[in-house]
Amino acid sequence: MRLSADDASEDELLKHYLSAAVAKAEKYCNQYFTSRILETTFTVTEPFQLSEGTGSVLSVSGFVTDVTQLPTVGQYWSEYVKGIAINRQYPIDYDNLPTYTVRYDFQADPESDVIQAILKIAADMYENRENSTTGTVNRALSLNFQLLLAPYCVVD
């Protein structure tokens, strides 16, 4: 976004508004629209499964420390509970199961209407920048933005 090709004085402000618009859209839809590195923590009884858009696994920490152990962690835990694994390092406490954290690369590829909504939010922030500096409360997304983003909202 730029108002004039030869005037770069407000570029930083526009970048800030664009970043804030992305954050607002992500919070509203409860999902990420930009690529980033994420961490997900699993208990040993949960199957190892990452969300769509996941790139490569970068690291693993906790109960499992090696990426090659991830496919067999569930099988190992069931043997551990049965007592097949002789050296138990953790007590079997189902209220406090051991966990492992997977750090991975998330690649976002947002749809064009999501990009359009983000640009509209940033433009709205720029257009109404005087109002936002006088101490007024941050407004909710208008109906126009909600209609564009509604199909991408994730409900837990």
Protein backbone atom coordinates (compact mmCIF):
# COMPACT_ATOMS: atom_id res chain seq x y z
CA MET A 1 0.00 0.00 0.00
CA ARG A 2 1.30 3.39 -0.89
CA LEU A 3 -0.40 6.71 -1.45
CA SER A 4 2.18 8.17 -3.81
CA ALA A 5 5.07 6.54 -5.63
CA ASP A 6 7.49 9.33 -4.75
CA ASP A 7 6.37 9.84 -1.13
CA ALA A 8 7.62 7.16 1.26
CA SER A 9 6.97 9.10 4.47
CA GLU A 10 4.03 6.94 5.59
CA ASP A 11 5.36 3.53 4.52
CA GLU A 12 6.17 2.48 8.09
CA LEU A 13 2.72 3.52 9.26
CA LEU A 14 1.10 1.54 6.43
CA LYS A 15 3.23 -1.54 7.28
CA HIS A 16 2.10 -1.23 10.89
CA TYR A 17 -1.57 -1.02 9.83
CA LEU A 18 -1.15 -4.03 7.55
CA SER A 19 0.44 -6.04 10.35
CA ALA A 20 -2.36 -5.04 12.73
CA ALA A 21 -4.98 -5.95 10.10
CA VAL A 22 -3.46 -9.43 9.66
CA ALA A 23 -3.46 -9.92 13.45
CA LYS A 24 -7.09 -8.78 13.68
CA ALA A 25 -8.18 -11.14 10.88
CA GLU A 26 -6.25 -14.06 12.42
CA LYS A 27 -7.80 -13.44 15.82
CA TYR A 28 -11.29 -13.12 14.34
CA CYS A 29 -10.99 -16.34 12.32
CA ASN A 30 -8.96 -18.27 14.92
CA GLN A 31 -6.37 -19.36 12.34
CA TYR A 32 -3.12 -18.11 10.82
CA PHE A 33 -2.93 -16.33 7.47
CA THR A 34 0.84 -15.72 7.47
CA SER A 35 3.72 -18.20 7.43
CA ARG A 36 5.52 -18.68 10.74
CA ILE A 37 7.17 -21.21 13.03
CA LEU A 38 4.74 -22.86 15.44
CA GLU A 39 4.92 -25.21 18.41
CA THR A 40 2.33 -27.81 19.37
CA THR A 41 2.42 -29.87 22.55
CA PHE A 42 1.05 -33.42 22.60
CA THR A 43 0.56 -35.89 25.43
CA VAL A 44 2.03 -39.32 24.79
CA THR A 45 -1.45 -40.79 24.33
CA GLU A 46 -2.39 -38.37 21.53
CA PRO A 47 -1.59 -39.34 17.95
CA PHE A 48 1.08 -37.21 16.32
CA GLN A 49 -0.78 -35.17 13.72
CA LEU A 50 -0.11 -31.63 12.59
CA SER A 51 -2.52 -29.26 10.85
CA GLU A 52 -2.80 -28.50 7.15
CA GLY A 53 -0.11 -26.27 5.73
CA THR A 54 2.55 -27.77 7.94
CA GLY A 55 6.00 -27.77 6.45
CA SER A 56 8.86 -29.70 7.95
CA VAL A 57 9.31 -30.60 11.62
CA LEU A 58 12.18 -28.50 12.96
CA SER A 59 12.66 -29.95 16.44
CA VAL A 60 11.11 -32.11 19.14
CA SER A 61 11.52 -31.74 22.89
CA GLY A 62 10.12 -33.32 26.05
CA PHE A 63 9.28 -37.03 26.41
CA VAL A 64 10.37 -37.58 22.79
CA THR A 65 13.54 -35.79 21.66
CA ASP A 66 14.11 -37.15 18.17
CA VAL A 67 11.97 -36.61 15.07
CA THR A 68 12.40 -40.28 14.08
CA GLN A 69 10.65 -41.36 17.30
CA LEU A 70 7.42 -39.49 16.51
CA PRO A 71 5.65 -42.26 14.53
CA THR A 72 6.23 -44.82 17.31
CA VAL A 73 5.56 -42.73 20.44
CA GLY A 74 1.98 -44.07 20.82
CA GLN A 75 3.13 -47.66 20.45
CA TYR A 76 5.95 -47.09 22.94
CA TRP A 77 3.55 -45.58 25.48
CA SER A 78 1.11 -48.51 25.28
CA GLU A 79 4.04 -50.90 25.91
CA TYR A 80 5.24 -48.65 28.72
CA VAL A 81 1.86 -48.82 30.44
CA LYS A 82 1.72 -52.60 30.09
CA GLY A 83 5.12 -52.83 31.76
CA ILE A 84 6.92 -54.18 28.71
CA ALA A 85 9.40 -51.33 28.88
CA ILE A 86 11.55 -52.33 31.82
CA ASN A 87 13.08 -48.98 32.73
CA ARG A 88 10.19 -46.63 33.54
CA GLN A 89 11.40 -43.08 33.87
CA TYR A 90 7.93 -41.61 34.48
CA PRO A 91 5.23 -42.79 36.89
CA ILE A 92 1.92 -43.66 35.25
CA ASP A 93 -0.22 -40.73 36.29
CA TYR A 94 -3.09 -40.27 33.86
CA ASP A 95 -3.86 -36.80 35.24
CA ASN A 96 -0.33 -35.66 34.47
CA LEU A 97 0.88 -37.54 31.40
CA PRO A 98 4.29 -36.84 29.88
CA THR A 99 4.23 -34.47 26.91
CA TYR A 100 6.41 -33.63 23.96
CA THR A 101 6.53 -30.43 21.93
CA VAL A 102 6.97 -30.33 18.17
CA ARG A 103 8.34 -27.16 16.57
CA TYR A 104 7.45 -26.92 12.89
CA ASP A 105 7.25 -24.60 9.91
CA PHE A 106 3.72 -23.46 8.98
CA GLN A 107 3.20 -22.28 5.40
CA ALA A 108 0.12 -20.09 4.95
CA ASP A 109 -1.60 -19.61 1.60
CA PRO A 110 -4.64 -17.42 2.26
CA GLU A 111 -7.50 -17.16 -0.22
CA SER A 112 -7.94 -13.96 -2.23
CA ASP A 113 -10.99 -12.82 -0.25
CA VAL A 114 -9.01 -13.14 3.00
CA ILE A 115 -6.27 -10.96 1.48
CA GLN A 116 -8.95 -8.50 0.33
CA ALA A 117 -10.45 -8.36 3.85
CA ILE A 118 -7.00 -7.75 5.38
CA LEU A 119 -6.31 -4.93 2.92
CA LYS A 120 -9.74 -3.40 3.63
CA ILE A 121 -9.08 -3.52 7.38
CA ALA A 122 -5.69 -1.82 6.91
CA ALA A 123 -7.22 0.81 4.61
CA ASP A 124 -9.98 1.44 7.15
CA MET A 125 -7.38 1.90 9.90
CA TYR A 126 -5.46 4.34 7.71
CA GLU A 127 -8.58 6.24 6.70
CA ASN A 128 -9.72 6.60 10.32
CA ARG A 129 -6.29 7.09 11.89
CA GLU A 130 -7.20 10.39 13.51
CA ASN A 131 -10.10 8.78 15.36
CA SER A 132 -7.89 6.00 16.69
CA THR A 133 -5.39 8.42 18.22
CA THR A 134 -7.89 10.40 20.30
CA GLY A 135 -8.49 7.56 22.73
CA THR A 136 -11.59 6.00 21.20
CA VAL A 137 -12.20 2.33 21.82
CA ASN A 138 -11.16 -0.10 19.07
CA ARG A 139 -14.27 -0.95 17.07
CA ALA A 140 -15.35 -4.45 16.10
CA LEU A 141 -14.97 -5.52 12.50
CA SER A 142 -17.65 -4.06 10.27
CA LEU A 143 -20.17 -6.29 8.51
CA ASN A 144 -18.26 -6.06 5.22
CA PHE A 145 -15.10 -7.60 6.76
CA GLN A 146 -17.11 -10.18 8.68
CA LEU A 147 -18.78 -11.37 5.46
CA LEU A 148 -15.43 -11.80 3.74
CA LEU A 149 -13.83 -13.62 6.68
CA ALA A 150 -16.81 -15.70 7.89
CA PRO A 151 -16.12 -18.78 5.72
CA TYR A 152 -12.61 -19.00 7.19
CA CYS A 153 -13.54 -18.87 10.88
CA VAL A 154 -12.48 -21.94 12.82
CA VAL A 155 -14.63 -22.87 15.79
CA ASP A 156 -12.97 -25.05 18.43
